[in-house]
């Protein structure tokens, strides 16, 4: 019986220390709620594009993709990961300031022969009753003109509850 109490006390101390460590790292402030907002993109997608929702186990994604697939080459579009643990950003060939949903960001850019890709992370607070989400935003297109058009759409993007 004494051993069971000792194990229980150790477990409780572990949970408390883990919770404090998370709070100290800024991952889960103790005064923030634990409710994750279920959001959708407000408004219409750019011309000839559509918004597509994909659900994950502990995250969700919204994609902006062409209504019709290109015959050849990569398709332009963007995606937004809503969750708590986004993938790390790739090494940047170039960085540039920008705006997503009215919030300042730093874009990392990489290029291949076929595609230009920009990515960023940002924290997003939808309201005091929700926990802060980490957004991973990625934009990809074969031409700089398409990238610029998609970045313009992301600048004024807004999110509303589903």
N, C-alpha and C. Protein backbone atom coordinates (compact mmCIF):
# COMPACT_ATOMS: atom_id res chain seq x y z
N UNK A 1 0.83 -1.20 0.00
CA UNK A 1 0.00 0.00 0.00
C UNK A 1 0.87 1.25 0.00
N UNK A 2 1.93 1.23 0.80
CA UNK A 2 2.83 2.39 0.86
C UNK A 2 3.51 2.63 -0.49
N UNK A 3 3.88 1.55 -1.15
CA UNK A 3 4.51 1.68 -2.47
C UNK A 3 3.54 2.30 -3.48
N UNK A 4 2.27 1.92 -3.44
CA UNK A 4 1.27 2.47 -4.35
C UNK A 4 1.10 3.96 -4.11
N UNK A 5 1.11 4.39 -2.84
CA UNK A 5 1.00 5.81 -2.53
C UNK A 5 2.21 6.58 -3.06
N UNK A 6 3.37 5.98 -2.90
CA UNK A 6 4.60 6.62 -3.38
C UNK A 6 4.58 6.76 -4.90
N UNK A 7 4.14 5.72 -5.60
CA UNK A 7 4.04 5.79 -7.05
C UNK A 7 3.02 6.84 -7.48
N UNK A 8 1.90 6.89 -6.80
CA UNK A 8 0.88 7.88 -7.12
C UNK A 8 1.42 9.29 -6.90
N UNK A 9 2.13 9.51 -5.79
CA UNK A 9 2.70 10.83 -5.51
C UNK A 9 3.72 11.21 -6.58
N UNK A 10 4.55 10.26 -7.00
CA UNK A 10 5.53 10.54 -8.06
C UNK A 10 4.83 10.90 -9.36
N UNK A 11 3.77 10.19 -9.69
CA UNK A 11 3.03 10.46 -10.91
C UNK A 11 2.40 11.86 -10.88
N UNK A 12 1.81 12.22 -9.75
CA UNK A 12 1.20 13.55 -9.61
C UNK A 12 2.27 14.63 -9.73
N UNK A 13 3.43 14.43 -9.12
CA UNK A 13 4.53 15.40 -9.23
C UNK A 13 5.00 15.51 -10.68
N UNK A 14 5.07 14.38 -11.38
CA UNK A 14 5.48 14.41 -12.79
C UNK A 14 4.50 15.24 -13.61
N UNK A 15 3.20 14.98 -13.43
CA UNK A 15 2.20 15.74 -14.18
C UNK A 15 2.28 17.23 -13.87
N UNK A 16 2.45 17.56 -12.61
CA UNK A 16 2.53 18.97 -12.23
C UNK A 16 3.77 19.62 -12.82
N UNK A 17 4.91 18.94 -12.76
CA UNK A 17 6.14 19.53 -13.30
C UNK A 17 6.06 19.65 -14.83
N UNK A 18 5.44 18.68 -15.50
CA UNK A 18 5.28 18.76 -16.95
C UNK A 18 4.38 19.93 -17.31
N UNK A 19 3.31 20.12 -16.58
CA UNK A 19 2.40 21.23 -16.84
C UNK A 19 3.10 22.56 -16.63
N UNK A 20 3.88 22.68 -15.56
CA UNK A 20 4.62 23.92 -15.32
C UNK A 20 5.67 24.16 -16.40
N UNK A 21 6.34 23.09 -16.84
CA UNK A 21 7.34 23.24 -17.90
C UNK A 21 6.69 23.72 -19.19
N UNK A 22 5.54 23.17 -19.53
CA UNK A 22 4.82 23.61 -20.73
C UNK A 22 4.42 25.08 -20.61
N UNK A 23 3.96 25.47 -19.44
CA UNK A 23 3.58 26.87 -19.23
C UNK A 23 4.79 27.78 -19.35
N UNK A 24 5.92 27.35 -18.79
CA UNK A 24 7.14 28.16 -18.86
C UNK A 24 7.63 28.31 -20.29
N UNK A 25 7.42 27.30 -21.10
CA UNK A 25 7.83 27.35 -22.51
C UNK A 25 6.84 28.11 -23.36
N UNK A 26 5.72 28.52 -22.79
CA UNK A 26 4.73 29.26 -23.55
C UNK A 26 3.79 28.38 -24.34
N UNK A 27 3.85 27.08 -24.14
CA UNK A 27 2.99 26.19 -24.91
C UNK A 27 1.58 26.15 -24.36
N UNK A 28 1.43 26.16 -23.07
CA UNK A 28 0.10 26.08 -22.47
C UNK A 28 0.04 26.96 -21.24
N UNK A 29 -0.23 28.24 -21.41
CA UNK A 29 -0.35 29.09 -20.24
C UNK A 29 -1.44 28.55 -19.31
N UNK A 30 -1.18 28.55 -18.01
CA UNK A 30 -2.15 27.94 -17.09
C UNK A 30 -3.49 28.67 -17.05
N UNK A 31 -3.54 29.95 -17.43
CA UNK A 31 -4.79 30.68 -17.36
C UNK A 31 -5.57 30.66 -18.67
N UNK A 32 -5.06 29.97 -19.70
CA UNK A 32 -5.75 29.89 -20.99
C UNK A 32 -6.64 28.64 -21.02
N UNK A 33 -7.77 28.73 -21.66
CA UNK A 33 -8.65 27.56 -21.78
C UNK A 33 -8.03 26.49 -22.68
N UNK A 34 -8.57 25.30 -22.59
CA UNK A 34 -8.04 24.18 -23.37
C UNK A 34 -8.92 23.86 -24.58
N UNK A 35 -9.86 24.71 -24.89
CA UNK A 35 -10.77 24.47 -26.02
C UNK A 35 -10.14 24.97 -27.32
N UNK A 36 -10.10 24.10 -28.32
CA UNK A 36 -9.55 24.44 -29.62
C UNK A 36 -10.68 24.96 -30.51
N UNK A 37 -10.49 26.14 -31.12
CA UNK A 37 -11.57 26.65 -31.99
C UNK A 37 -11.64 25.87 -33.30
N UNK A 38 -12.85 25.59 -33.74
CA UNK A 38 -13.05 24.99 -35.05
C UNK A 38 -13.39 26.12 -36.00
N UNK A 39 -12.45 26.43 -36.87
CA UNK A 39 -12.56 27.61 -37.71
C UNK A 39 -12.70 27.26 -39.18
N UNK A 40 -13.27 28.19 -39.92
CA UNK A 40 -13.30 28.10 -41.38
C UNK A 40 -12.84 29.44 -41.92
N UNK A 41 -12.48 29.47 -43.18
CA UNK A 41 -12.05 30.70 -43.82
C UNK A 41 -13.29 31.49 -44.21
N UNK A 42 -13.34 32.75 -43.80
CA UNK A 42 -14.46 33.62 -44.14
C UNK A 42 -14.26 34.19 -45.54
N UNK A 43 -15.33 34.36 -46.24
CA UNK A 43 -15.26 34.96 -47.57
C UNK A 43 -15.02 33.95 -48.66
N UNK A 44 -14.77 34.49 -49.84
CA UNK A 44 -14.60 33.65 -51.03
C UNK A 44 -13.13 33.46 -51.36
N UNK A 45 -12.81 32.32 -51.96
CA UNK A 45 -11.42 32.10 -52.41
C UNK A 45 -11.12 32.97 -53.63
N UNK A 46 -9.85 33.09 -53.98
CA UNK A 46 -9.53 33.81 -55.22
C UNK A 46 -10.24 33.17 -56.41
N UNK A 47 -10.39 33.94 -57.46
CA UNK A 47 -11.06 33.46 -58.66
C UNK A 47 -10.43 32.16 -59.16
N UNK A 48 -11.25 31.21 -59.57
CA UNK A 48 -10.84 29.90 -60.09
C UNK A 48 -10.22 28.98 -59.03
N UNK A 49 -10.40 29.32 -57.73
CA UNK A 49 -9.91 28.48 -56.65
C UNK A 49 -11.08 28.07 -55.77
N UNK A 50 -10.84 27.07 -54.92
CA UNK A 50 -11.84 26.62 -53.95
C UNK A 50 -11.14 26.32 -52.64
N UNK A 51 -11.88 26.49 -51.53
CA UNK A 51 -11.37 26.11 -50.22
C UNK A 51 -11.78 24.67 -49.95
N UNK A 52 -10.83 23.88 -49.48
CA UNK A 52 -11.07 22.47 -49.19
C UNK A 52 -10.61 22.19 -47.76
N UNK A 53 -11.47 21.55 -46.96
CA UNK A 53 -11.16 21.23 -45.57
C UNK A 53 -10.66 19.79 -45.46
N UNK A 54 -9.63 19.59 -44.64
CA UNK A 54 -9.15 18.23 -44.33
C UNK A 54 -8.91 18.15 -42.84
N UNK A 55 -9.46 17.12 -42.24
CA UNK A 55 -9.37 16.92 -40.79
C UNK A 55 -8.25 15.95 -40.48
N UNK A 56 -7.49 16.23 -39.43
CA UNK A 56 -6.44 15.34 -38.95
C UNK A 56 -6.76 14.86 -37.55
N UNK A 57 -5.90 14.04 -36.97
CA UNK A 57 -6.19 13.49 -35.64
C UNK A 57 -6.18 14.54 -34.53
N UNK A 58 -5.29 15.52 -34.59
CA UNK A 58 -5.24 16.56 -33.57
C UNK A 58 -4.99 17.93 -34.20
N UNK A 59 -5.40 18.07 -35.43
CA UNK A 59 -5.24 19.31 -36.18
C UNK A 59 -6.23 19.30 -37.33
N UNK A 60 -6.31 20.41 -38.05
CA UNK A 60 -7.07 20.43 -39.30
C UNK A 60 -6.38 21.37 -40.26
N UNK A 61 -6.71 21.23 -41.53
CA UNK A 61 -6.11 22.04 -42.58
C UNK A 61 -7.17 22.61 -43.48
N UNK A 62 -6.91 23.80 -43.94
CA UNK A 62 -7.71 24.40 -45.01
C UNK A 62 -6.77 24.62 -46.19
N UNK A 63 -7.19 24.16 -47.35
CA UNK A 63 -6.42 24.34 -48.58
C UNK A 63 -7.17 25.27 -49.51
N UNK A 64 -6.44 26.03 -50.27
CA UNK A 64 -6.98 26.82 -51.36
C UNK A 64 -6.34 26.24 -52.61
N UNK A 65 -7.14 25.56 -53.40
CA UNK A 65 -6.58 24.87 -54.57
C UNK A 65 -7.40 25.18 -55.81
N UNK A 66 -6.80 25.03 -56.99
CA UNK A 66 -7.53 25.33 -58.22
C UNK A 66 -8.77 24.45 -58.38
N UNK A 67 -9.82 25.04 -58.95
CA UNK A 67 -11.03 24.25 -59.24
C UNK A 67 -10.75 23.18 -60.28
N UNK A 68 -9.87 23.50 -61.22
CA UNK A 68 -9.45 22.50 -62.21
C UNK A 68 -7.93 22.35 -62.11
N UNK A 69 -7.49 21.12 -62.18
CA UNK A 69 -6.06 20.82 -62.06
C UNK A 69 -5.35 21.25 -63.34
N UNK A 70 -4.12 21.79 -63.20
CA UNK A 70 -3.37 22.15 -64.41
C UNK A 70 -3.01 20.90 -65.21
N UNK A 71 -2.93 21.06 -66.52
CA UNK A 71 -2.61 19.94 -67.39
C UNK A 71 -1.18 19.47 -67.13
N UNK A 72 -0.26 20.43 -66.99
CA UNK A 72 1.13 20.10 -66.71
C UNK A 72 1.65 20.99 -65.59
N UNK A 73 2.66 20.50 -64.92
CA UNK A 73 3.33 21.30 -63.92
C UNK A 73 2.61 21.31 -62.58
N UNK A 74 3.26 21.91 -61.59
CA UNK A 74 2.66 21.96 -60.26
C UNK A 74 1.48 22.92 -60.22
N UNK A 75 0.53 22.62 -59.35
CA UNK A 75 -0.63 23.50 -59.23
C UNK A 75 -0.34 24.57 -58.17
N UNK A 76 -0.83 25.78 -58.39
CA UNK A 76 -0.68 26.82 -57.38
C UNK A 76 -1.69 26.63 -56.27
N UNK A 77 -1.41 27.21 -55.12
CA UNK A 77 -2.36 27.16 -54.02
C UNK A 77 -1.70 27.51 -52.70
N UNK A 78 -2.51 27.43 -51.65
CA UNK A 78 -1.94 27.58 -50.31
C UNK A 78 -2.67 26.67 -49.36
N UNK A 79 -2.04 26.43 -48.22
CA UNK A 79 -2.62 25.62 -47.18
C UNK A 79 -2.36 26.25 -45.83
N UNK A 80 -3.26 26.00 -44.88
CA UNK A 80 -3.10 26.51 -43.53
C UNK A 80 -3.36 25.37 -42.56
N UNK A 81 -2.34 25.03 -41.79
CA UNK A 81 -2.43 24.03 -40.72
C UNK A 81 -2.89 24.75 -39.46
N UNK A 82 -3.93 24.24 -38.80
CA UNK A 82 -4.40 24.75 -37.53
C UNK A 82 -4.16 23.66 -36.49
N UNK A 83 -3.29 23.89 -35.56
CA UNK A 83 -3.00 22.87 -34.54
C UNK A 83 -2.08 23.43 -33.48
N UNK A 84 -1.35 22.51 -32.84
CA UNK A 84 -0.45 22.91 -31.77
C UNK A 84 1.01 22.61 -32.08
N UNK A 85 1.26 21.72 -33.02
CA UNK A 85 2.63 21.29 -33.29
C UNK A 85 2.92 21.28 -34.79
N UNK A 86 3.12 22.46 -35.39
CA UNK A 86 3.40 22.50 -36.83
C UNK A 86 4.77 21.91 -37.16
N UNK A 87 4.92 21.49 -38.39
CA UNK A 87 6.21 21.00 -38.85
C UNK A 87 7.20 22.16 -38.85
N UNK A 88 8.47 21.88 -38.61
CA UNK A 88 9.47 22.96 -38.66
C UNK A 88 9.54 23.56 -40.06
N UNK A 89 9.88 24.83 -40.11
CA UNK A 89 10.05 25.49 -41.40
C UNK A 89 11.33 24.99 -42.05
N UNK A 90 11.34 24.87 -43.37
CA UNK A 90 12.56 24.45 -44.06
C UNK A 90 13.61 25.57 -44.02
N UNK A 91 14.83 25.20 -44.30
CA UNK A 91 15.89 26.21 -44.40
C UNK A 91 15.51 27.21 -45.49
N UNK A 92 15.68 28.47 -45.18
CA UNK A 92 15.25 29.52 -46.11
C UNK A 92 16.38 29.91 -47.05
N UNK A 93 16.04 30.02 -48.32
CA UNK A 93 16.96 30.62 -49.27
C UNK A 93 16.87 32.14 -49.16
N UNK A 94 15.69 32.60 -48.72
CA UNK A 94 15.43 34.03 -48.62
C UNK A 94 14.30 34.22 -47.62
N UNK A 95 14.31 35.33 -46.89
CA UNK A 95 13.23 35.68 -45.98
C UNK A 95 12.65 37.03 -46.38
N UNK A 96 11.34 37.18 -46.13
CA UNK A 96 10.68 38.43 -46.48
C UNK A 96 9.52 38.66 -45.52
N UNK A 97 9.33 39.91 -45.12
CA UNK A 97 8.21 40.27 -44.25
C UNK A 97 6.92 40.18 -45.04
N UNK A 98 5.85 39.84 -44.34
CA UNK A 98 4.54 39.75 -44.97
C UNK A 98 3.43 39.83 -43.94
N UNK A 99 2.22 39.54 -44.40
CA UNK A 99 1.04 39.60 -43.53
C UNK A 99 0.13 38.43 -43.87
N UNK A 100 -0.37 37.76 -42.83
CA UNK A 100 -1.38 36.71 -42.98
C UNK A 100 -2.51 37.02 -42.01
N UNK A 101 -3.72 37.13 -42.52
CA UNK A 101 -4.91 37.40 -41.70
C UNK A 101 -4.71 38.66 -40.85
N UNK A 102 -4.05 39.65 -41.43
CA UNK A 102 -3.83 40.90 -40.72
C UNK A 102 -2.70 40.88 -39.72
N UNK A 103 -1.99 39.75 -39.59
CA UNK A 103 -0.91 39.62 -38.61
C UNK A 103 0.44 39.60 -39.32
N UNK A 104 1.45 40.28 -38.76
CA UNK A 104 2.77 40.29 -39.40
C UNK A 104 3.44 38.93 -39.31
N UNK A 105 4.11 38.54 -40.39
CA UNK A 105 4.84 37.27 -40.44
C UNK A 105 6.16 37.47 -41.16
N UNK A 106 7.02 36.48 -41.05
CA UNK A 106 8.24 36.43 -41.85
C UNK A 106 8.15 35.18 -42.72
N UNK A 107 8.11 35.39 -44.02
CA UNK A 107 8.05 34.28 -44.96
C UNK A 107 9.46 33.73 -45.21
N UNK A 108 9.56 32.40 -45.26
CA UNK A 108 10.78 31.77 -45.77
C UNK A 108 10.47 31.33 -47.18
N UNK A 109 11.43 31.51 -48.07
CA UNK A 109 11.19 31.17 -49.47
C UNK A 109 12.22 30.15 -49.94
N UNK A 110 11.74 29.19 -50.70
CA UNK A 110 12.62 28.24 -51.38
C UNK A 110 12.12 28.11 -52.81
N UNK A 111 13.03 27.79 -53.69
CA UNK A 111 12.68 27.68 -55.12
C UNK A 111 13.28 26.41 -55.69
N UNK A 112 12.54 25.84 -56.63
CA UNK A 112 13.06 24.75 -57.45
C UNK A 112 12.84 25.17 -58.90
N UNK A 113 13.22 24.32 -59.82
CA UNK A 113 13.00 24.65 -61.23
C UNK A 113 11.51 24.78 -61.55
N UNK A 114 10.68 24.03 -60.83
CA UNK A 114 9.25 23.98 -61.17
C UNK A 114 8.37 24.85 -60.28
N UNK A 115 8.89 25.27 -59.09
CA UNK A 115 7.97 25.87 -58.13
C UNK A 115 8.67 26.84 -57.19
N UNK A 116 7.91 27.86 -56.79
CA UNK A 116 8.31 28.77 -55.72
C UNK A 116 7.46 28.40 -54.51
N UNK A 117 8.07 28.37 -53.33
CA UNK A 117 7.35 27.98 -52.12
C UNK A 117 7.68 28.97 -51.01
N UNK A 118 6.64 29.44 -50.33
CA UNK A 118 6.82 30.30 -49.14
C UNK A 118 6.09 29.65 -47.98
N UNK A 119 6.70 29.77 -46.80
CA UNK A 119 6.10 29.20 -45.59
C UNK A 119 6.33 30.12 -44.41
N UNK A 120 5.44 30.05 -43.43
CA UNK A 120 5.59 30.81 -42.20
C UNK A 120 4.82 30.13 -41.08
N UNK A 121 5.17 30.46 -39.86
CA UNK A 121 4.43 30.06 -38.66
C UNK A 121 3.91 31.32 -37.99
N UNK A 122 2.76 31.20 -37.35
CA UNK A 122 2.29 32.30 -36.51
C UNK A 122 1.36 31.75 -35.45
N UNK A 123 1.30 32.46 -34.34
CA UNK A 123 0.35 32.13 -33.28
C UNK A 123 -0.94 32.86 -33.58
N UNK A 124 -2.06 32.18 -33.34
CA UNK A 124 -3.36 32.77 -33.64
C UNK A 124 -4.28 32.58 -32.45
N UNK A 125 -4.81 33.69 -31.94
CA UNK A 125 -5.78 33.65 -30.85
C UNK A 125 -7.13 34.09 -31.40
N UNK A 126 -8.09 33.18 -31.39
CA UNK A 126 -9.41 33.50 -31.93
C UNK A 126 -10.29 34.21 -30.92
N UNK A 127 -10.01 34.00 -29.66
CA UNK A 127 -10.80 34.65 -28.61
C UNK A 127 -10.38 34.14 -27.26
N UNK A 128 -10.79 34.82 -26.19
CA UNK A 128 -10.34 34.45 -24.86
C UNK A 128 -10.82 33.08 -24.38
N UNK A 129 -11.88 32.57 -25.00
CA UNK A 129 -12.40 31.27 -24.57
C UNK A 129 -11.69 30.10 -25.25
N UNK A 130 -10.74 30.40 -26.16
CA UNK A 130 -10.04 29.35 -26.91
C UNK A 130 -8.54 29.37 -26.62
N UNK A 131 -7.92 28.22 -26.79
CA UNK A 131 -6.47 28.18 -26.67
C UNK A 131 -5.81 28.75 -27.92
N UNK A 132 -4.58 29.18 -27.79
CA UNK A 132 -3.83 29.75 -28.90
C UNK A 132 -3.41 28.63 -29.85
N UNK A 133 -3.69 28.81 -31.12
CA UNK A 133 -3.29 27.83 -32.14
C UNK A 133 -1.99 28.26 -32.79
N UNK A 134 -1.26 27.28 -33.27
CA UNK A 134 -0.09 27.52 -34.11
C UNK A 134 -0.51 27.26 -35.54
N UNK A 135 -0.33 28.25 -36.38
CA UNK A 135 -0.66 28.11 -37.80
C UNK A 135 0.63 27.93 -38.60
N UNK A 136 0.60 26.99 -39.52
CA UNK A 136 1.68 26.81 -40.49
C UNK A 136 1.05 27.11 -41.83
N UNK A 137 1.49 28.19 -42.45
CA UNK A 137 0.91 28.64 -43.72
C UNK A 137 1.94 28.38 -44.81
N UNK A 138 1.51 27.74 -45.89
CA UNK A 138 2.42 27.46 -47.00
C UNK A 138 1.74 27.83 -48.32
N UNK A 139 2.52 28.46 -49.18
CA UNK A 139 2.05 28.93 -50.49
C UNK A 139 2.98 28.36 -51.53
N UNK A 140 2.42 27.88 -52.63
CA UNK A 140 3.26 27.30 -53.68
C UNK A 140 2.65 27.59 -55.04
N UNK A 141 3.52 27.88 -56.00
CA UNK A 141 3.06 28.17 -57.36
C UNK A 141 4.26 28.14 -58.30
N UNK A 142 3.99 27.89 -59.58
CA UNK A 142 5.09 27.87 -60.54
C UNK A 142 5.62 29.25 -60.92
N UNK A 143 4.83 30.32 -60.72
CA UNK A 143 5.29 31.65 -61.15
C UNK A 143 5.21 32.65 -59.99
N UNK A 144 6.03 33.68 -60.08
CA UNK A 144 6.02 34.75 -59.07
C UNK A 144 4.69 35.50 -59.08
N UNK A 145 4.09 35.69 -60.25
CA UNK A 145 2.80 36.37 -60.32
C UNK A 145 1.74 35.61 -59.53
N UNK A 146 1.70 34.28 -59.66
CA UNK A 146 0.73 33.47 -58.91
C UNK A 146 1.01 33.55 -57.41
N UNK A 147 2.28 33.52 -57.03
CA UNK A 147 2.65 33.65 -55.61
C UNK A 147 2.12 34.98 -55.07
N UNK A 148 2.37 36.07 -55.81
CA UNK A 148 1.92 37.39 -55.37
C UNK A 148 0.40 37.46 -55.22
N UNK A 149 -0.34 36.84 -56.13
CA UNK A 149 -1.80 36.84 -56.05
C UNK A 149 -2.28 36.05 -54.83
N UNK A 150 -1.65 34.93 -54.55
CA UNK A 150 -2.04 34.13 -53.39
C UNK A 150 -1.66 34.83 -52.09
N UNK A 151 -0.50 35.48 -52.05
CA UNK A 151 -0.10 36.24 -50.86
C UNK A 151 -1.07 37.38 -50.59
N UNK A 152 -1.57 38.02 -51.65
CA UNK A 152 -2.55 39.09 -51.49
C UNK A 152 -3.83 38.55 -50.86
N UNK A 153 -4.25 37.36 -51.27
CA UNK A 153 -5.45 36.74 -50.68
C UNK A 153 -5.23 36.42 -49.21
N UNK A 154 -4.04 35.99 -48.85
CA UNK A 154 -3.74 35.64 -47.46
C UNK A 154 -3.68 36.87 -46.56
N UNK A 155 -3.29 38.00 -47.09
CA UNK A 155 -3.15 39.23 -46.28
C UNK A 155 -4.45 39.58 -45.57
N UNK A 156 -5.55 39.51 -46.28
CA UNK A 156 -6.84 39.95 -45.73
C UNK A 156 -7.72 38.81 -45.25
N UNK A 157 -7.19 37.62 -45.22
CA UNK A 157 -7.97 36.45 -44.81
C UNK A 157 -8.50 36.62 -43.39
N UNK A 158 -9.69 36.12 -43.14
CA UNK A 158 -10.28 36.12 -41.80
C UNK A 158 -10.84 34.73 -41.52
N UNK A 159 -10.89 34.40 -40.23
CA UNK A 159 -11.39 33.09 -39.82
C UNK A 159 -12.61 33.30 -38.92
N UNK A 160 -13.60 32.43 -39.11
CA UNK A 160 -14.81 32.45 -38.29
C UNK A 160 -15.08 31.03 -37.78
N UNK A 161 -15.86 30.93 -36.73
CA UNK A 161 -16.19 29.61 -36.19
C UNK A 161 -17.09 28.87 -37.17
N UNK A 162 -16.86 27.55 -37.26
CA UNK A 162 -17.66 26.70 -38.16
C UNK A 162 -19.08 26.59 -37.67
